[in-house]
Amino acid sequence: MLMHEVSIIENTIKIVQEKAKENNLKNVSKITIKIGELSGVMSESLEFAFQGMSKGTIVEDAKLLIEKVDAKALCDDCNITFEIDHFNKLCPNCNKFSTNILSGYELYVSTIEGE
């Protein structure tokens, strides 16, 4: 497992604990994290880290949902939105390289559910 994922889960648990306290939640049942395709984060490693690190915390029994965010760019010439990956950021219409990345690098806690 990568240390990157461990620190992400560590920070996620901290964020959730703070928000739970602010909103008077006694337990957290579900946490949703959004992760962009280009972020380099491995979902399986996050889930594994969460299982170990959530023990003894308010999120111990919570379900961790990981939502993938597609990588997309906008062509400045054609004004179309298209899917990209790490290696290909060329507009499928005009074949020009796009630097206008709209999504794919996300990494954040999206929702927290609890009582």
PDB file of N, CA and C in Angstrom:
ATOM      1  N   MET A   1       0.849  -1.185   0.000  1.00  0.00           N
ATOM      2  CA  MET A   1       0.000   0.000   0.000  1.00  0.00           C
ATOM      3  C   MET A   1       0.894   1.247   0.000  1.00  0.00           C
ATOM      4  N   LEU A   2       0.417   2.258  -0.645  1.00  0.00           N
ATOM      5  CA  LEU A   2       1.178   3.490  -0.746  1.00  0.00           C
ATOM      6  C   LEU A   2       0.899   4.407   0.433  1.00  0.00           C
ATOM      7  N   MET A   3       1.919   5.100   0.905  1.00  0.00           N
ATOM      8  CA  MET A   3       1.756   6.039   2.013  1.00  0.00           C
ATOM      9  C   MET A   3       0.831   7.183   1.623  1.00  0.00           C
ATOM     10  N   HIS A   4       0.781   7.474   0.340  1.00  0.00           N
ATOM     11  CA  HIS A   4      -0.089   8.525  -0.187  1.00  0.00           C
ATOM     12  C   HIS A   4      -1.539   8.272   0.229  1.00  0.00           C
ATOM     13  N   GLU A   5      -2.018   7.056   0.032  1.00  0.00           N
ATOM     14  CA  GLU A   5      -3.398   6.699   0.360  1.00  0.00           C
ATOM     15  C   GLU A   5      -3.638   6.730   1.864  1.00  0.00           C
ATOM     16  N   VAL A   6      -2.631   6.319   2.643  1.00  0.00           N
ATOM     17  CA  VAL A   6      -2.758   6.347   4.100  1.00  0.00           C
ATOM     18  C   VAL A   6      -2.947   7.784   4.584  1.00  0.00           C
ATOM     19  N   SER A   7      -2.143   8.708   4.059  1.00  0.00           N
ATOM     20  CA  SER A   7      -2.277  10.106   4.492  1.00  0.00           C
ATOM     21  C   SER A   7      -3.597  10.713   4.016  1.00  0.00           C
ATOM     22  N   ILE A   8      -4.100  10.286   2.860  1.00  0.00           N
ATOM     23  CA  ILE A   8      -5.402  10.769   2.371  1.00  0.00           C
ATOM     24  C   ILE A   8      -6.501  10.318   3.328  1.00  0.00           C
ATOM     25  N   ILE A   9      -6.468   9.052   3.731  1.00  0.00           N
ATOM     26  CA  ILE A   9      -7.486   8.534   4.657  1.00  0.00           C
ATOM     27  C   ILE A   9      -7.342   9.193   6.028  1.00  0.00           C
ATOM     28  N   GLU A  10      -6.113   9.391   6.462  1.00  0.00           N
ATOM     29  CA  GLU A  10      -5.882  10.068   7.748  1.00  0.00           C
ATOM     30  C   GLU A  10      -6.533  11.459   7.734  1.00  0.00           C
ATOM     31  N   ASN A  11      -6.313  12.203   6.669  1.00  0.00           N
ATOM     32  CA  ASN A  11      -6.906  13.543   6.533  1.00  0.00           C
ATOM     33  C   ASN A  11      -8.423  13.466   6.372  1.00  0.00           C
ATOM     34  N   THR A  12      -8.907  12.465   5.644  1.00  0.00           N
ATOM     35  CA  THR A  12     -10.348  12.290   5.461  1.00  0.00           C
ATOM     36  C   THR A  12     -11.022  12.069   6.814  1.00  0.00           C
ATOM     37  N   ILE A  13     -10.446  11.186   7.622  1.00  0.00           N
ATOM     38  CA  ILE A  13     -11.022  10.908   8.942  1.00  0.00           C
ATOM     39  C   ILE A  13     -11.016  12.170   9.803  1.00  0.00           C
ATOM     40  N   LYS A  14      -9.937  12.943   9.747  1.00  0.00           N
ATOM     41  CA  LYS A  14      -9.870  14.206  10.500  1.00  0.00           C
ATOM     42  C   LYS A  14     -10.973  15.172  10.059  1.00  0.00           C
ATOM     43  N   ILE A  15     -11.133  15.325   8.754  1.00  0.00           N
ATOM     44  CA  ILE A  15     -12.158  16.220   8.206  1.00  0.00           C
ATOM     45  C   ILE A  15     -13.548  15.769   8.653  1.00  0.00           C
ATOM     46  N   VAL A  16     -13.807  14.465   8.535  1.00  0.00           N
ATOM     47  CA  VAL A  16     -15.118  13.929   8.898  1.00  0.00           C
ATOM     48  C   VAL A  16     -15.371  14.112  10.394  1.00  0.00           C
ATOM     49  N   GLN A  17     -14.355  13.873  11.228  1.00  0.00           N
ATOM     50  CA  GLN A  17     -14.514  14.056  12.668  1.00  0.00           C
ATOM     51  C   GLN A  17     -14.845  15.511  12.998  1.00  0.00           C
ATOM     52  N   GLU A  18     -14.159  16.450  12.349  1.00  0.00           N
ATOM     53  CA  GLU A  18     -14.421  17.879  12.579  1.00  0.00           C
ATOM     54  C   GLU A  18     -15.839  18.253  12.161  1.00  0.00           C
ATOM     55  N   LYS A  19     -16.253  17.799  10.968  1.00  0.00           N
ATOM     56  CA  LYS A  19     -17.594  18.117  10.469  1.00  0.00           C
ATOM     57  C   LYS A  19     -18.674  17.452  11.315  1.00  0.00           C
ATOM     58  N   ALA A  20     -18.424  16.238  11.771  1.00  0.00           N
ATOM     59  CA  ALA A  20     -19.383  15.538  12.631  1.00  0.00           C
ATOM     60  C   ALA A  20     -19.580  16.308  13.934  1.00  0.00           C
ATOM     61  N   LYS A  21     -18.475  16.792  14.497  1.00  0.00           N
ATOM     62  CA  LYS A  21     -18.546  17.567  15.745  1.00  0.00           C
ATOM     63  C   LYS A  21     -19.318  18.874  15.517  1.00  0.00           C
ATOM     64  N   GLU A  22     -18.996  19.581  14.419  1.00  0.00           N
ATOM     65  CA  GLU A  22     -19.680  20.838  14.083  1.00  0.00           C
ATOM     66  C   GLU A  22     -21.183  20.643  13.909  1.00  0.00           C
ATOM     67  N   ASN A  23     -21.582  19.466  13.402  1.00  0.00           N
ATOM     68  CA  ASN A  23     -22.988  19.201  13.116  1.00  0.00           C
ATOM     69  C   ASN A  23     -23.651  18.276  14.131  1.00  0.00           C
ATOM     70  N   ASN A  24     -22.981  18.104  15.276  1.00  0.00           N
ATOM     71  CA  ASN A  24     -23.511  17.277  16.377  1.00  0.00           C
ATOM     72  C   ASN A  24     -23.903  15.863  15.947  1.00  0.00           C
ATOM     73  N   LEU A  25     -23.093  15.248  15.101  1.00  0.00           N
ATOM     74  CA  LEU A  25     -23.349  13.868  14.685  1.00  0.00           C
ATOM     75  C   LEU A  25     -22.714  12.927  15.711  1.00  0.00           C
ATOM     76  N   LYS A  26     -23.484  11.949  16.159  1.00  0.00           N
ATOM     77  CA  LYS A  26     -22.970  10.967  17.121  1.00  0.00           C
ATOM     78  C   LYS A  26     -22.296   9.799  16.399  1.00  0.00           C
ATOM     79  N   ASN A  27     -22.773   9.522  15.194  1.00  0.00           N
ATOM     80  CA  ASN A  27     -22.103   8.498  14.391  1.00  0.00           C
ATOM     81  C   ASN A  27     -22.183   8.871  12.914  1.00  0.00           C
ATOM     82  N   VAL A  28     -21.260   8.352  12.163  1.00  0.00           N
ATOM     83  CA  VAL A  28     -21.204   8.600  10.721  1.00  0.00           C
ATOM     84  C   VAL A  28     -21.478   7.266  10.029  1.00  0.00           C
ATOM     85  N   SER A  29     -22.453   7.277   9.107  1.00  0.00           N
ATOM     86  CA  SER A  29     -22.833   6.031   8.436  1.00  0.00           C
ATOM     87  C   SER A  29     -22.257   5.907   7.030  1.00  0.00           C
ATOM     88  N   LYS A  30     -21.991   7.057   6.401  1.00  0.00           N
ATOM     89  CA  LYS A  30     -21.486   7.006   5.024  1.00  0.00           C
ATOM     90  C   LYS A  30     -20.617   8.230   4.716  1.00  0.00           C
ATOM     91  N   ILE A  31     -19.519   7.971   4.039  1.00  0.00           N
ATOM     92  CA  ILE A  31     -18.606   9.034   3.586  1.00  0.00           C
ATOM     93  C   ILE A  31     -18.409   8.825   2.088  1.00  0.00           C
ATOM     94  N   THR A  32     -18.601   9.897   1.323  1.00  0.00           N
ATOM     95  CA  THR A  32     -18.361   9.813  -0.116  1.00  0.00           C
ATOM     96  C   THR A  32     -17.160  10.690  -0.466  1.00  0.00           C
ATOM     97  N   ILE A  33     -16.215  10.091  -1.172  1.00  0.00           N
ATOM     98  CA  ILE A  33     -15.019  10.806  -1.625  1.00  0.00           C
ATOM     99  C   ILE A  33     -15.043  10.837  -3.151  1.00  0.00           C
ATOM    100  N   LYS A  34     -14.746  11.994  -3.716  1.00  0.00           N
ATOM    101  CA  LYS A  34     -14.635  12.108  -5.184  1.00  0.00           C
ATOM    102  C   LYS A  34     -13.153  12.085  -5.540  1.00  0.00           C
ATOM    103  N   ILE A  35     -12.836  11.232  -6.499  1.00  0.00           N
ATOM    104  CA  ILE A  35     -11.441  11.081  -6.927  1.00  0.00           C
ATOM    105  C   ILE A  35     -11.356  11.159  -8.444  1.00  0.00           C
ATOM    106  N   GLY A  36     -10.572  12.093  -8.939  1.00  0.00           N
ATOM    107  CA  GLY A  36     -10.379  12.234 -10.372  1.00  0.00           C
ATOM    108  C   GLY A  36      -9.502  11.133 -10.942  1.00  0.00           C
ATOM    109  N   GLU A  37      -9.802  10.763 -12.186  1.00  0.00           N
ATOM    110  CA  GLU A  37      -9.042   9.714 -12.880  1.00  0.00           C
ATOM    111  C   GLU A  37      -7.539  10.013 -12.944  1.00  0.00           C
ATOM    112  N   LEU A  38      -7.190  11.287 -12.978  1.00  0.00           N
ATOM    113  CA  LEU A  38      -5.786  11.671 -13.140  1.00  0.00           C
ATOM    114  C   LEU A  38      -5.063  11.900 -11.812  1.00  0.00           C
ATOM    115  N   SER A  39      -5.758  11.691 -10.687  1.00  0.00           N
ATOM    116  CA  SER A  39      -5.178  11.986  -9.372  1.00  0.00           C
ATOM    117  C   SER A  39      -4.098  10.995  -8.954  1.00  0.00           C
ATOM    118  N   GLY A  40      -4.112   9.812  -9.560  1.00  0.00           N
ATOM    119  CA  GLY A  40      -3.102   8.806  -9.222  1.00  0.00           C
ATOM    120  C   GLY A  40      -3.400   8.060  -7.937  1.00  0.00           C
ATOM    121  N   VAL A  41      -4.602   8.218  -7.399  1.00  0.00           N
ATOM    122  CA  VAL A  41      -4.988   7.562  -6.154  1.00  0.00           C
ATOM    123  C   VAL A  41      -5.640   6.216  -6.465  1.00  0.00           C
ATOM    124  N   MET A  42      -5.240   5.183  -5.730  1.00  0.00           N
ATOM    125  CA  MET A  42      -5.779   3.845  -5.934  1.00  0.00           C
ATOM    126  C   MET A  42      -6.922   3.580  -4.948  1.00  0.00           C
ATOM    127  N   SER A  43      -8.118   3.357  -5.483  1.00  0.00           N
ATOM    128  CA  SER A  43      -9.310   3.131  -4.657  1.00  0.00           C
ATOM    129  C   SER A  43      -9.142   1.970  -3.683  1.00  0.00           C
ATOM    130  N   GLU A  44      -8.575   0.871  -4.168  1.00  0.00           N
ATOM    131  CA  GLU A  44      -8.414  -0.316  -3.325  1.00  0.00           C
ATOM    132  C   GLU A  44      -7.521  -0.001  -2.117  1.00  0.00           C
ATOM    133  N   SER A  45      -6.483   0.764  -2.332  1.00  0.00           N
ATOM    134  CA  SER A  45      -5.584   1.137  -1.244  1.00  0.00           C
ATOM    135  C   SER A  45      -6.282   2.057  -0.250  1.00  0.00           C
ATOM    136  N   LEU A  46      -7.126   2.959  -0.756  1.00  0.00           N
ATOM    137  CA  LEU A  46      -7.902   3.829   0.130  1.00  0.00           C
ATOM    138  C   LEU A  46      -8.827   3.008   1.009  1.00  0.00           C
ATOM    139  N   GLU A  47      -9.524   2.058   0.405  1.00  0.00           N
ATOM    140  CA  GLU A  47     -10.462   1.222   1.147  1.00  0.00           C
ATOM    141  C   GLU A  47      -9.735   0.407   2.209  1.00  0.00           C
ATOM    142  N   PHE A  48      -8.584  -0.134   1.863  1.00  0.00           N
ATOM    143  CA  PHE A  48      -7.788  -0.925   2.799  1.00  0.00           C
ATOM    144  C   PHE A  48      -7.316  -0.046   3.965  1.00  0.00           C
ATOM    145  N   ALA A  49      -6.823   1.135   3.655  1.00  0.00           N
ATOM    146  CA  ALA A  49      -6.354   2.065   4.694  1.00  0.00           C
ATOM    147  C   ALA A  49      -7.516   2.475   5.600  1.00  0.00           C
ATOM    148  N   PHE A  50      -8.684   2.705   5.004  1.00  0.00           N
ATOM    149  CA  PHE A  50      -9.858   3.120   5.771  1.00  0.00           C
ATOM    150  C   PHE A  50     -10.266   2.040   6.767  1.00  0.00           C
ATOM    151  N   GLN A  51     -10.246   0.776   6.329  1.00  0.00           N
ATOM    152  CA  GLN A  51     -10.625  -0.331   7.217  1.00  0.00           C
ATOM    153  C   GLN A  51      -9.751  -0.357   8.474  1.00  0.00           C
ATOM    154  N   GLY A  52      -8.467  -0.154   8.279  1.00  0.00           N
ATOM    155  CA  GLY A  52      -7.545  -0.188   9.415  1.00  0.00           C
ATOM    156  C   GLY A  52      -7.570   1.063  10.266  1.00  0.00           C
ATOM    157  N   MET A  53      -7.628   2.213   9.619  1.00  0.00           N
ATOM    158  CA  MET A  53      -7.491   3.478  10.344  1.00  0.00           C
ATOM    159  C   MET A  53      -8.787   3.987  10.965  1.00  0.00           C
ATOM    160  N   SER A  54      -9.930   3.450  10.546  1.00  0.00           N
ATOM    161  CA  SER A  54     -11.204   3.931  11.083  1.00  0.00           C
ATOM    162  C   SER A  54     -11.537   3.294  12.433  1.00  0.00           C
ATOM    163  N   LYS A  55     -10.860   2.210  12.777  1.00  0.00           N
ATOM    164  CA  LYS A  55     -11.141   1.504  14.031  1.00  0.00           C
ATOM    165  C   LYS A  55     -10.979   2.454  15.229  1.00  0.00           C
ATOM    166  N   GLY A  56     -11.988   2.422  16.100  1.00  0.00           N
ATOM    167  CA  GLY A  56     -11.939   3.250  17.305  1.00  0.00           C
ATOM    168  C   GLY A  56     -12.289   4.705  17.077  1.00  0.00           C
ATOM    169  N   THR A  57     -12.777   5.039  15.881  1.00  0.00           N
ATOM    170  CA  THR A  57     -13.163   6.428  15.577  1.00  0.00           C
ATOM    171  C   THR A  57     -14.656   6.489  15.289  1.00  0.00           C
ATOM    172  N   ILE A  58     -15.171   7.687  15.156  1.00  0.00           N
ATOM    173  CA  ILE A  58     -16.587   7.908  14.850  1.00  0.00           C
ATOM    174  C   ILE A  58     -16.982   7.332  13.484  1.00  0.00           C
ATOM    175  N   VAL A  59     -16.002   7.077  12.632  1.00  0.00           N
ATOM    176  CA  VAL A  59     -16.288   6.558  11.282  1.00  0.00           C
ATOM    177  C   VAL A  59     -16.080   5.045  11.178  1.00  0.00           C
ATOM    178  N   GLU A  60     -15.851   4.381  12.307  1.00  0.00           N
ATOM    179  CA  GLU A  60     -15.533   2.945  12.299  1.00  0.00           C
ATOM    180  C   GLU A  60     -16.562   2.103  11.538  1.00  0.00           C
ATOM    181  N   ASP A  61     -17.850   2.406  11.702  1.00  0.00           N
ATOM    182  CA  ASP A  61     -18.890   1.616  11.044  1.00  0.00           C
ATOM    183  C   ASP A  61     -19.409   2.259   9.756  1.00  0.00           C
ATOM    184  N   ALA A  62     -18.763   3.321   9.332  1.00  0.00           N
ATOM    185  CA  ALA A  62     -19.221   4.045   8.136  1.00  0.00           C
ATOM    186  C   ALA A  62     -18.858   3.288   6.864  1.00  0.00           C
ATOM    187  N   LYS A  63     -19.699   3.457   5.864  1.00  0.00           N
ATOM    188  CA  LYS A  63     -19.423   2.918   4.534  1.00  0.00           C
ATOM    189  C   LYS A  63     -18.652   3.991   3.764  1.00  0.00           C
ATOM    190  N   LEU A  64     -17.551   3.607   3.153  1.00  0.00           N
ATOM    191  CA  LEU A  64     -16.752   4.531   2.346  1.00  0.00           C
ATOM    192  C   LEU A  64     -17.110   4.332   0.884  1.00  0.00           C
ATOM    193  N   LEU A  65     -17.671   5.353   0.265  1.00  0.00           N
ATOM    194  CA  LEU A  65     -17.991   5.306  -1.160  1.00  0.00           C
ATOM    195  C   LEU A  65     -16.977   6.149  -1.913  1.00  0.00           C
ATOM    196  N   ILE A  66     -16.448   5.598  -2.975  1.00  0.00           N
ATOM    197  CA  ILE A  66     -15.471   6.320  -3.784  1.00  0.00           C
ATOM    198  C   ILE A  66     -16.080   6.539  -5.163  1.00  0.00           C
ATOM    199  N   GLU A  67     -16.280   7.808  -5.498  1.00  0.00           N
ATOM    200  CA  GLU A  67     -16.841   8.153  -6.810  1.00  0.00           C
ATOM    201  C   GLU A  67     -15.727   8.639  -7.720  1.00  0.00           C
ATOM    202  N   LYS A  68     -15.595   7.965  -8.848  1.00  0.00           N
ATOM    203  CA  LYS A  68     -14.589   8.357  -9.842  1.00  0.00           C
ATOM    204  C   LYS A  68     -15.103   9.552 -10.648  1.00  0.00           C
ATOM    205  N   VAL A  69     -14.209  10.490 -10.917  1.00  0.00           N
ATOM    206  CA  VAL A  69     -14.552  11.649 -11.739  1.00  0.00           C
ATOM    207  C   VAL A  69     -13.781  11.522 -13.049  1.00  0.00           C
ATOM    208  N   ASP A  70     -14.507  11.508 -14.161  1.00  0.00           N
ATOM    209  CA  ASP A  70     -13.875  11.390 -15.477  1.00  0.00           C
ATOM    210  C   ASP A  70     -12.981  12.592 -15.754  1.00  0.00           C
ATOM    211  N   ALA A  71     -11.898  12.330 -16.457  1.00  0.00           N
ATOM    212  CA  ALA A  71     -10.981  13.396 -16.863  1.00  0.00           C
ATOM    213  C   ALA A  71     -11.496  14.009 -18.163  1.00  0.00           C
ATOM    214  N   LYS A  72     -11.727  15.329 -18.127  1.00  0.00           N
ATOM    215  CA  LYS A  72     -12.243  16.020 -19.309  1.00  0.00           C
ATOM    216  C   LYS A  72     -11.500  17.333 -19.527  1.00  0.00           C
ATOM    217  N   ALA A  73     -11.461  17.725 -20.785  1.00  0.00           N
ATOM    218  CA  ALA A  73     -10.827  18.990 -21.163  1.00  0.00           C
ATOM    219  C   ALA A  73     -11.751  19.740 -22.110  1.00  0.00           C
ATOM    220  N   LEU A  74     -11.477  21.019 -22.255  1.00  0.00           N
ATOM    221  CA  LEU A  74     -12.226  21.869 -23.181  1.00  0.00           C
ATOM    222  C   LEU A  74     -11.256  22.364 -24.239  1.00  0.00           C
ATOM    223  N   CYS A  75     -11.629  22.201 -25.493  1.00  0.00           N
ATOM    224  CA  CYS A  75     -10.797  22.704 -26.591  1.00  0.00           C
ATOM    225  C   CYS A  75     -11.050  24.201 -26.735  1.00  0.00           C
ATOM    226  N   ASP A  76      -9.987  24.971 -26.656  1.00  0.00           N
ATOM    227  CA  ASP A  76     -10.112  26.429 -26.784  1.00  0.00           C
ATOM    228  C   ASP A  76     -10.448  26.853 -28.207  1.00  0.00           C
ATOM    229  N   ASP A  77     -10.145  26.009 -29.185  1.00  0.00           N
ATOM    230  CA  ASP A  77     -10.434  26.339 -30.583  1.00  0.00           C
ATOM    231  C   ASP A  77     -11.845  25.916 -30.992  1.00  0.00           C
ATOM    232  N   CYS A  78     -12.198  24.662 -30.709  1.00  0.00           N
ATOM    233  CA  CYS A  78     -13.505  24.119 -31.126  1.00  0.00           C
ATOM    234  C   CYS A  78     -14.622  24.381 -30.116  1.00  0.00           C
ATOM    235  N   ASN A  79     -14.208  24.647 -28.877  1.00  0.00           N
ATOM    236  CA  ASN A  79     -15.153  24.855 -27.785  1.00  0.00           C
ATOM    237  C   ASN A  79     -15.969  23.598 -27.473  1.00  0.00           C
ATOM    238  N   ILE A  80     -15.357  22.410 -27.655  1.00  0.00           N
ATOM    239  CA  ILE A  80     -16.033  21.168 -27.280  1.00  0.00           C
ATOM    240  C   ILE A  80     -15.338  20.573 -26.052  1.00  0.00           C
ATOM    241  N   THR A  81     -16.110  19.836 -25.267  1.00  0.00           N
ATOM    242  CA  THR A  81     -15.575  19.129 -24.103  1.00  0.00           C
ATOM    243  C   THR A  81     -15.357  17.683 -24.507  1.00  0.00           C
ATOM    244  N   PHE A  82     -14.216  17.125 -24.097  1.00  0.00           N
ATOM    245  CA  PHE A  82     -13.891  15.745 -24.471  1.00  0.00           C
ATOM    246  C   PHE A  82     -13.113  15.059 -23.359  1.00  0.00           C
ATOM    247  N   GLU A  83     -13.181  13.719 -23.358  1.00  0.00           N
ATOM    248  CA  GLU A  83     -12.464  12.938 -22.360  1.00  0.00           C
ATOM    249  C   GLU A  83     -10.987  12.863 -22.709  1.00  0.00           C
ATOM    250  N   ILE A  84     -10.164  12.886 -21.651  1.00  0.00           N
ATOM    251  CA  ILE A  84      -8.713  12.822 -21.809  1.00  0.00           C
ATOM    252  C   ILE A  84      -8.152  11.739 -20.891  1.00  0.00           C
ATOM    253  N   ASP A  85      -6.859  11.475 -21.033  1.00  0.00           N
ATOM    254  CA  ASP A  85      -6.157  10.627 -20.081  1.00  0.00           C
ATOM    255  C   ASP A  85      -4.767  11.222 -19.861  1.00  0.00           C
ATOM    256  N   HIS A  86      -3.946  10.510 -19.101  1.00  0.00           N
ATOM    257  CA  HIS A  86      -2.608  11.025 -18.783  1.00  0.00           C
ATOM    258  C   HIS A  86      -1.784  11.351 -20.036  1.00  0.00           C
ATOM    259  N   PHE A  87      -1.998  10.568 -21.085  1.00  0.00           N
ATOM    260  CA  PHE A  87      -1.135  10.668 -22.252  1.00  0.00           C
ATOM    261  C   PHE A  87      -1.762  11.372 -23.446  1.00  0.00           C
ATOM    262  N   ASN A  88      -3.076  11.477 -23.456  1.00  0.00           N
ATOM    263  CA  ASN A  88      -3.732  12.059 -24.621  1.00  0.00           C
ATOM    264  C   ASN A  88      -4.662  13.201 -24.221  1.00  0.00           C
ATOM    265  N   LYS A  89      -4.256  14.395 -24.557  1.00  0.00           N
ATOM    266  CA  LYS A  89      -5.070  15.580 -24.295  1.00  0.00           C
ATOM    267  C   LYS A  89      -5.360  16.324 -25.606  1.00  0.00           C
ATOM    268  N   LEU A  90      -5.452  15.539 -26.690  1.00  0.00           N
ATOM    269  CA  LEU A  90      -5.708  16.119 -28.003  1.00  0.00           C
ATOM    270  C   LEU A  90      -7.201  16.147 -28.287  1.00  0.00           C
ATOM    271  N   CYS A  91      -7.652  17.265 -28.820  1.00  0.00           N
ATOM    272  CA  CYS A  91      -9.054  17.414 -29.196  1.00  0.00           C
ATOM    273  C   CYS A  91      -9.366  16.415 -30.313  1.00  0.00           C
ATOM    274  N   PRO A  92     -10.432  15.621 -30.158  1.00  0.00           N
ATOM    275  CA  PRO A  92     -10.769  14.656 -31.201  1.00  0.00           C
ATOM    276  C   PRO A  92     -11.299  15.320 -32.472  1.00  0.00           C
ATOM    277  N   ASN A  93     -11.664  16.595 -32.364  1.00  0.00           N
ATOM    278  CA  ASN A  93     -12.222  17.321 -33.500  1.00  0.00           C
ATOM    279  C   ASN A  93     -11.127  17.984 -34.345  1.00  0.00           C
ATOM    280  N   CYS A  94     -10.256  18.767 -33.695  1.00  0.00           N
ATOM    281  CA  CYS A  94      -9.237  19.517 -34.454  1.00  0.00           C
ATOM    282  C   CYS A  94      -7.812  19.006 -34.222  1.00  0.00           C
ATOM    283  N   ASN A  95      -7.660  18.040 -33.284  1.00  0.00           N
ATOM    284  CA  ASN A  95      -6.371  17.422 -33.000  1.00  0.00           C
ATOM    285  C   ASN A  95      -5.357  18.361 -32.343  1.00  0.00           C
ATOM    286  N   LYS A  96      -5.821  19.452 -31.735  1.00  0.00           N
ATOM    287  CA  LYS A  96      -4.922  20.364 -31.013  1.00  0.00           C
ATOM    288  C   LYS A  96      -4.862  19.968 -29.542  1.00  0.00           C
ATOM    289  N   PHE A  97      -3.689  20.200 -28.944  1.00  0.00           N
ATOM    290  CA  PHE A  97      -3.463  19.880 -27.541  1.00  0.00           C
ATOM    291  C   PHE A  97      -4.235  20.858 -26.657  1.00  0.00           C
ATOM    292  N   SER A  98      -4.937  20.320 -25.644  1.00  0.00           N
ATOM    293  CA  SER A  98      -5.698  21.176 -24.735  1.00  0.00           C
ATOM    294  C   SER A  98      -5.003  21.289 -23.383  1.00  0.00           C
ATOM    295  N   THR A  99      -4.878  22.507 -22.893  1.00  0.00           N
ATOM    296  CA  THR A  99      -4.354  22.751 -21.547  1.00  0.00           C
ATOM    297  C   THR A  99      -5.491  23.132 -20.605  1.00  0.00           C
ATOM    298  N   ASN A 100      -6.709  23.205 -21.141  1.00  0.00           N
ATOM    299  CA  ASN A 100      -7.870  23.617 -20.366  1.00  0.00           C
ATOM    300  C   ASN A 100      -8.545  22.379 -19.755  1.00  0.00           C
ATOM    301  N   ILE A 101      -7.947  21.855 -18.675  1.00  0.00           N
ATOM    302  CA  ILE A 101      -8.459  20.641 -18.027  1.00  0.00           C
ATOM    303  C   ILE A 101      -9.633  21.025 -17.121  1.00  0.00           C
ATOM    304  N   LEU A 102     -10.784  20.410 -17.358  1.00  0.00           N
ATOM    305  CA  LEU A 102     -11.988  20.717 -16.586  1.00  0.00           C
ATOM    306  C   LEU A 102     -12.139  19.826 -15.360  1.00  0.00           C
ATOM    307  N   SER A 103     -11.751  18.566 -15.484  1.00  0.00           N
ATOM    308  CA  SER A 103     -11.887  17.632 -14.368  1.00  0.00           C
ATOM    309  C   SER A 103     -10.912  16.482 -14.515  1.00  0.00           C
ATOM    310  N   GLY A 104     -10.708  15.784 -13.410  1.00  0.00           N
ATOM    311  CA  GLY A 104      -9.829  14.623 -13.431  1.00  0.00           C
ATOM    312  C   GLY A 104      -8.796  14.622 -12.326  1.00  0.00           C
ATOM    313  N   TYR A 105      -8.581  15.777 -11.680  1.00  0.00           N
ATOM    314  CA  TYR A 105      -7.591  15.867 -10.607  1.00  0.00           C
ATOM    315  C   TYR A 105      -8.245  16.009  -9.223  1.00  0.00           C
ATOM    316  N   GLU A 106      -9.582  15.838  -9.158  1.00  0.00           N
ATOM    317  CA  GLU A 106     -10.309  16.007  -7.909  1.00  0.00           C
ATOM    318  C   GLU A 106      -9.851  15.014  -6.843  1.00  0.00           C
ATOM    319  N   LEU A 107      -9.923  15.440  -5.601  1.00  0.00           N
ATOM    320  CA  LEU A 107      -9.691  14.571  -4.459  1.00  0.00           C
ATOM    321  C   LEU A 107     -10.261  15.290  -3.243  1.00  0.00           C
ATOM    322  N   TYR A 108     -11.507  14.966  -2.907  1.00  0.00           N
ATOM    323  CA  TYR A 108     -12.133  15.643  -1.765  1.00  0.00           C
ATOM    324  C   TYR A 108     -13.281  14.834  -1.177  1.00  0.00           C
ATOM    325  N   VAL A 109     -13.602  15.150   0.081  1.00  0.00           N
ATOM    326  CA  VAL A 109     -14.755  14.553   0.742  1.00  0.00           C
ATOM    327  C   VAL A 109     -15.978  15.263   0.186  1.00  0.00           C
ATOM    328  N   SER A 110     -16.864  14.505  -0.443  1.00  0.00           N
ATOM    329  CA  SER A 110     -18.041  15.060  -1.092  1.00  0.00           C
ATOM    330  C   SER A 110     -19.227  15.146  -0.139  1.00  0.00           C
ATOM    331  N   THR A 111     -19.547  14.026   0.526  1.00  0.00           N
ATOM    332  CA  THR A 111     -20.668  14.024   1.469  1.00  0.00           C
ATOM    333  C   THR A 111     -20.343  13.196   2.700  1.00  0.00           C
ATOM    334  N   ILE A 112     -21.000  13.559   3.789  1.00  0.00           N
ATOM    335  CA  ILE A 112     -20.912  12.834   5.050  1.00  0.00           C
ATOM    336  C   ILE A 112     -22.343  12.622   5.525  1.00  0.00           C
ATOM    337  N   GLU A 113     -22.696  11.374   5.836  1.00  0.00           N
ATOM    338  CA  GLU A 113     -24.025  11.084   6.347  1.00  0.00           C
ATOM    339  C   GLU A 113     -23.909  10.468   7.732  1.00  0.00           C
ATOM    340  N   GLY A 114     -24.845  10.827   8.601  1.00  0.00           N
ATOM    341  CA  GLY A 114     -24.849  10.275   9.954  1.00  0.00           C
ATOM    342  C   GLY A 114     -25.982  10.840  10.774  1.00  0.00           C
ATOM    343  N   GLU A 115     -25.968  10.521  12.059  1.00  0.00           N
ATOM    344  CA  GLU A 115     -27.006  10.992  12.976  1.00  0.00           C
ATOM    345  C   GLU A 115     -26.389  11.670  14.184  1.00  0.00           C
TER     346      GLU A 115
END
